[in-house]
Amino acid sequence: MRRVISAPIHAYRKFISPLKPPSCRFYPTCSAYALEAIDKHGPLRGSWLAVRRICRCHPFHPGGVDFVPPTREEMQQRRASAALDSAAEDSV
């Protein structure tokens, strides 16, 4: 399923993007963001994140650095790691 959803993005990057001047106001580019979001979050949520990102890509948005958000599992690991670090500091 991921390959089916990613195929049009790869086609855009190979055939359409080279014909256009660089104009993406975000880093990473919207197509790179979409591929990473689909790979990281799966086809449904990744596509939703990509659509939200593309909707923000307009002249009135300042753009900037916008990485794919972490998965729920990554957030839980970060919280657990932070809690362990905090507990270690408290015991010192």
N, C-alpha and C. Protein backbone atom coordinates (compact mmCIF):
# COMPACT_ATOMS: atom_id res chain seq x y z
N MET A 1 0.82 -1.19 0.00
CA MET A 1 0.00 0.00 0.00
C MET A 1 0.87 1.26 0.00
N ARG A 2 1.95 1.24 0.78
CA ARG A 2 2.84 2.41 0.83
C ARG A 2 3.43 2.71 -0.54
N ARG A 3 3.79 1.66 -1.27
CA ARG A 3 4.37 1.86 -2.61
C ARG A 3 3.36 2.49 -3.56
N VAL A 4 2.11 2.07 -3.46
CA VAL A 4 1.07 2.62 -4.33
C VAL A 4 0.88 4.10 -4.06
N ILE A 5 0.87 4.48 -2.79
CA ILE A 5 0.69 5.88 -2.44
C ILE A 5 1.95 6.69 -2.74
N SER A 6 3.12 6.09 -2.59
CA SER A 6 4.37 6.80 -2.83
C SER A 6 4.70 6.94 -4.31
N ALA A 7 4.15 6.10 -5.17
CA ALA A 7 4.49 6.12 -6.60
C ALA A 7 4.23 7.48 -7.26
N PRO A 8 3.07 8.12 -7.05
CA PRO A 8 2.88 9.44 -7.67
C PRO A 8 3.86 10.49 -7.16
N ILE A 9 4.27 10.38 -5.92
CA ILE A 9 5.24 11.33 -5.38
C ILE A 9 6.59 11.14 -6.05
N HIS A 10 6.99 9.88 -6.21
CA HIS A 10 8.25 9.60 -6.91
C HIS A 10 8.18 10.08 -8.36
N ALA A 11 7.04 9.88 -9.01
CA ALA A 11 6.88 10.35 -10.40
C ALA A 11 6.98 11.87 -10.46
N TYR A 12 6.36 12.56 -9.53
CA TYR A 12 6.45 14.02 -9.47
C TYR A 12 7.91 14.45 -9.31
N ARG A 13 8.63 13.81 -8.41
CA ARG A 13 10.02 14.19 -8.16
C ARG A 13 10.91 13.92 -9.37
N LYS A 14 10.60 12.89 -10.13
CA LYS A 14 11.45 12.53 -11.27
C LYS A 14 11.11 13.32 -12.53
N PHE A 15 9.82 13.55 -12.79
CA PHE A 15 9.43 14.12 -14.07
C PHE A 15 8.96 15.57 -14.01
N ILE A 16 8.29 15.98 -12.97
CA ILE A 16 7.71 17.33 -12.91
C ILE A 16 8.62 18.30 -12.17
N SER A 17 9.11 17.90 -11.02
CA SER A 17 9.93 18.79 -10.20
C SER A 17 11.15 19.35 -10.93
N PRO A 18 11.86 18.55 -11.75
CA PRO A 18 13.02 19.12 -12.45
C PRO A 18 12.66 20.23 -13.45
N LEU A 19 11.41 20.28 -13.89
CA LEU A 19 10.99 21.29 -14.85
C LEU A 19 10.66 22.62 -14.18
N LYS A 20 10.51 22.60 -12.87
CA LYS A 20 10.12 23.80 -12.12
C LYS A 20 11.33 24.38 -11.39
N PRO A 21 11.37 25.70 -11.23
CA PRO A 21 12.45 26.26 -10.41
C PRO A 21 12.24 25.89 -8.94
N PRO A 22 13.30 25.82 -8.15
CA PRO A 22 13.14 25.52 -6.73
C PRO A 22 12.28 26.59 -6.06
N SER A 23 11.17 26.18 -5.49
CA SER A 23 10.26 27.17 -4.91
C SER A 23 9.64 26.72 -3.59
N CYS A 24 10.04 25.58 -3.08
CA CYS A 24 9.45 25.10 -1.83
C CYS A 24 9.91 25.99 -0.69
N ARG A 25 8.97 26.44 0.11
CA ARG A 25 9.31 27.35 1.21
C ARG A 25 9.60 26.60 2.50
N PHE A 26 9.59 25.28 2.43
CA PHE A 26 9.86 24.47 3.61
C PHE A 26 11.11 23.63 3.43
N TYR A 27 11.67 23.21 4.54
CA TYR A 27 12.70 22.18 4.55
C TYR A 27 12.22 21.12 5.53
N PRO A 28 12.21 19.87 5.15
CA PRO A 28 12.47 19.31 3.83
C PRO A 28 11.35 19.68 2.86
N THR A 29 11.60 19.45 1.57
CA THR A 29 10.59 19.78 0.57
C THR A 29 9.30 19.01 0.85
N CYS A 30 8.22 19.48 0.28
CA CYS A 30 6.92 18.83 0.52
C CYS A 30 6.92 17.38 0.06
N SER A 31 7.58 17.10 -1.07
CA SER A 31 7.60 15.71 -1.55
C SER A 31 8.44 14.83 -0.62
N ALA A 32 9.57 15.34 -0.14
CA ALA A 32 10.38 14.57 0.80
C ALA A 32 9.62 14.36 2.11
N TYR A 33 8.92 15.39 2.56
CA TYR A 33 8.11 15.30 3.77
C TYR A 33 7.04 14.23 3.60
N ALA A 34 6.36 14.23 2.45
CA ALA A 34 5.29 13.26 2.20
C ALA A 34 5.83 11.84 2.23
N LEU A 35 6.96 11.60 1.56
CA LEU A 35 7.53 10.25 1.55
C LEU A 35 7.92 9.80 2.96
N GLU A 36 8.54 10.70 3.72
CA GLU A 36 8.94 10.35 5.08
C GLU A 36 7.72 10.11 5.97
N ALA A 37 6.70 10.96 5.83
CA ALA A 37 5.49 10.81 6.65
C ALA A 37 4.80 9.48 6.36
N ILE A 38 4.71 9.11 5.10
CA ILE A 38 4.08 7.84 4.72
C ILE A 38 4.90 6.67 5.24
N ASP A 39 6.22 6.77 5.14
CA ASP A 39 7.09 5.70 5.61
C ASP A 39 7.03 5.57 7.13
N LYS A 40 6.99 6.68 7.82
CA LYS A 40 7.06 6.69 9.28
C LYS A 40 5.71 6.41 9.94
N HIS A 41 4.63 6.98 9.40
CA HIS A 41 3.32 6.90 10.04
C HIS A 41 2.34 5.97 9.33
N GLY A 42 2.73 5.43 8.19
CA GLY A 42 1.83 4.58 7.44
C GLY A 42 1.05 5.37 6.40
N PRO A 43 0.35 4.67 5.51
CA PRO A 43 -0.31 5.33 4.38
C PRO A 43 -1.41 6.32 4.77
N LEU A 44 -2.23 5.98 5.73
CA LEU A 44 -3.36 6.84 6.07
C LEU A 44 -2.92 8.11 6.79
N ARG A 45 -2.29 7.96 7.93
CA ARG A 45 -1.85 9.14 8.69
C ARG A 45 -0.76 9.91 7.93
N GLY A 46 0.14 9.20 7.26
CA GLY A 46 1.20 9.86 6.50
C GLY A 46 0.64 10.72 5.38
N SER A 47 -0.38 10.21 4.69
CA SER A 47 -1.02 11.00 3.63
C SER A 47 -1.72 12.22 4.21
N TRP A 48 -2.37 12.04 5.36
CA TRP A 48 -3.03 13.18 6.01
C TRP A 48 -2.01 14.25 6.39
N LEU A 49 -0.88 13.85 6.95
CA LEU A 49 0.16 14.81 7.31
C LEU A 49 0.69 15.53 6.06
N ALA A 50 0.85 14.79 4.96
CA ALA A 50 1.34 15.38 3.72
C ALA A 50 0.34 16.40 3.16
N VAL A 51 -0.94 16.07 3.19
CA VAL A 51 -1.97 17.00 2.70
C VAL A 51 -1.97 18.26 3.55
N ARG A 52 -1.88 18.11 4.86
CA ARG A 52 -1.83 19.29 5.75
C ARG A 52 -0.63 20.16 5.43
N ARG A 53 0.50 19.53 5.17
CA ARG A 53 1.72 20.28 4.84
C ARG A 53 1.57 21.02 3.53
N ILE A 54 1.04 20.36 2.51
CA ILE A 54 0.86 21.00 1.20
C ILE A 54 -0.11 22.17 1.30
N CYS A 55 -1.12 22.05 2.14
CA CYS A 55 -2.08 23.16 2.33
C CYS A 55 -1.42 24.37 2.98
N ARG A 56 -0.34 24.16 3.70
CA ARG A 56 0.39 25.29 4.30
C ARG A 56 1.39 25.92 3.34
N CYS A 57 1.60 25.30 2.20
CA CYS A 57 2.60 25.78 1.24
C CYS A 57 1.94 26.80 0.31
N HIS A 58 1.93 28.05 0.74
CA HIS A 58 1.35 29.14 -0.06
C HIS A 58 2.11 30.42 0.26
N PRO A 59 1.95 31.46 -0.55
CA PRO A 59 2.74 32.68 -0.38
C PRO A 59 2.55 33.40 0.95
N PHE A 60 1.47 33.14 1.65
CA PHE A 60 1.20 33.84 2.90
C PHE A 60 1.77 33.12 4.13
N HIS A 61 2.35 31.96 3.94
CA HIS A 61 2.96 31.21 5.04
C HIS A 61 4.47 31.41 4.96
N PRO A 62 5.12 31.69 6.08
CA PRO A 62 6.56 31.96 6.03
C PRO A 62 7.42 30.74 5.71
N GLY A 63 6.88 29.54 5.86
CA GLY A 63 7.67 28.34 5.59
C GLY A 63 8.63 28.07 6.73
N GLY A 64 9.79 27.51 6.42
CA GLY A 64 10.80 27.22 7.43
C GLY A 64 11.04 25.73 7.56
N VAL A 65 11.65 25.36 8.66
CA VAL A 65 11.96 23.95 8.92
C VAL A 65 10.72 23.31 9.54
N ASP A 66 10.29 22.21 8.96
CA ASP A 66 9.08 21.52 9.41
C ASP A 66 9.28 20.02 9.21
N PHE A 67 9.77 19.37 10.24
CA PHE A 67 10.02 17.94 10.15
C PHE A 67 8.75 17.15 10.41
N VAL A 68 8.74 15.91 9.96
CA VAL A 68 7.62 15.00 10.22
C VAL A 68 7.56 14.77 11.73
N PRO A 69 6.37 14.88 12.32
CA PRO A 69 6.27 14.68 13.77
C PRO A 69 6.60 13.24 14.15
N PRO A 70 7.07 13.05 15.38
CA PRO A 70 7.39 11.69 15.81
C PRO A 70 6.13 10.84 15.96
N THR A 71 6.32 9.54 15.87
CA THR A 71 5.20 8.62 16.07
C THR A 71 4.85 8.59 17.55
N ARG A 72 3.73 8.00 17.87
CA ARG A 72 3.33 7.90 19.28
C ARG A 72 4.35 7.08 20.07
N GLU A 73 4.87 6.03 19.45
CA GLU A 73 5.86 5.19 20.12
C GLU A 73 7.13 5.99 20.42
N GLU A 74 7.56 6.81 19.46
CA GLU A 74 8.74 7.64 19.68
C GLU A 74 8.52 8.64 20.82
N MET A 75 7.32 9.20 20.88
CA MET A 75 7.00 10.15 21.95
C MET A 75 7.02 9.45 23.31
N GLN A 76 6.49 8.23 23.37
CA GLN A 76 6.49 7.48 24.63
C GLN A 76 7.92 7.17 25.06
N GLN A 77 8.77 6.80 24.10
CA GLN A 77 10.17 6.52 24.42
C GLN A 77 10.87 7.77 24.93
N ARG A 78 10.60 8.92 24.30
CA ARG A 78 11.22 10.17 24.74
C ARG A 78 10.77 10.54 26.15
N ARG A 79 9.48 10.35 26.43
CA ARG A 79 8.98 10.66 27.77
C ARG A 79 9.61 9.75 28.81
N ALA A 80 9.71 8.46 28.49
CA ALA A 80 10.31 7.51 29.42
C ALA A 80 11.77 7.84 29.65
N SER A 81 12.48 8.20 28.60
CA SER A 81 13.88 8.57 28.72
C SER A 81 14.04 9.83 29.55
N ALA A 82 13.18 10.81 29.32
CA ALA A 82 13.23 12.05 30.10
C ALA A 82 12.92 11.79 31.57
N ALA A 83 11.97 10.89 31.84
CA ALA A 83 11.63 10.56 33.22
C ALA A 83 12.81 9.87 33.91
N LEU A 84 13.50 8.98 33.19
CA LEU A 84 14.67 8.32 33.76
C LEU A 84 15.78 9.32 34.04
N ASP A 85 15.99 10.24 33.10
CA ASP A 85 17.02 11.27 33.29
C ASP A 85 16.68 12.14 34.49
N SER A 86 15.42 12.49 34.62
CA SER A 86 14.98 13.33 35.74
C SER A 86 15.15 12.59 37.07
N ALA A 87 14.81 11.31 37.09
CA ALA A 87 14.95 10.51 38.30
C ALA A 87 16.42 10.36 38.67
N ALA A 88 17.28 10.21 37.68
CA ALA A 88 18.72 10.07 37.94
C ALA A 88 19.28 11.36 38.51
N GLU A 89 18.82 12.50 38.01
CA GLU A 89 19.29 13.79 38.53
C GLU A 89 18.80 14.02 39.95
N ASP A 90 17.58 13.59 40.24
CA ASP A 90 17.02 13.77 41.58
C ASP A 90 17.76 12.93 42.62
N SER A 91 18.28 11.78 42.21
CA SER A 91 18.94 10.89 43.16
C SER A 91 20.38 11.32 43.44
N VAL A 92 20.90 12.25 42.66
CA VAL A 92 22.29 12.70 42.87
C VAL A 92 22.39 13.72 43.93
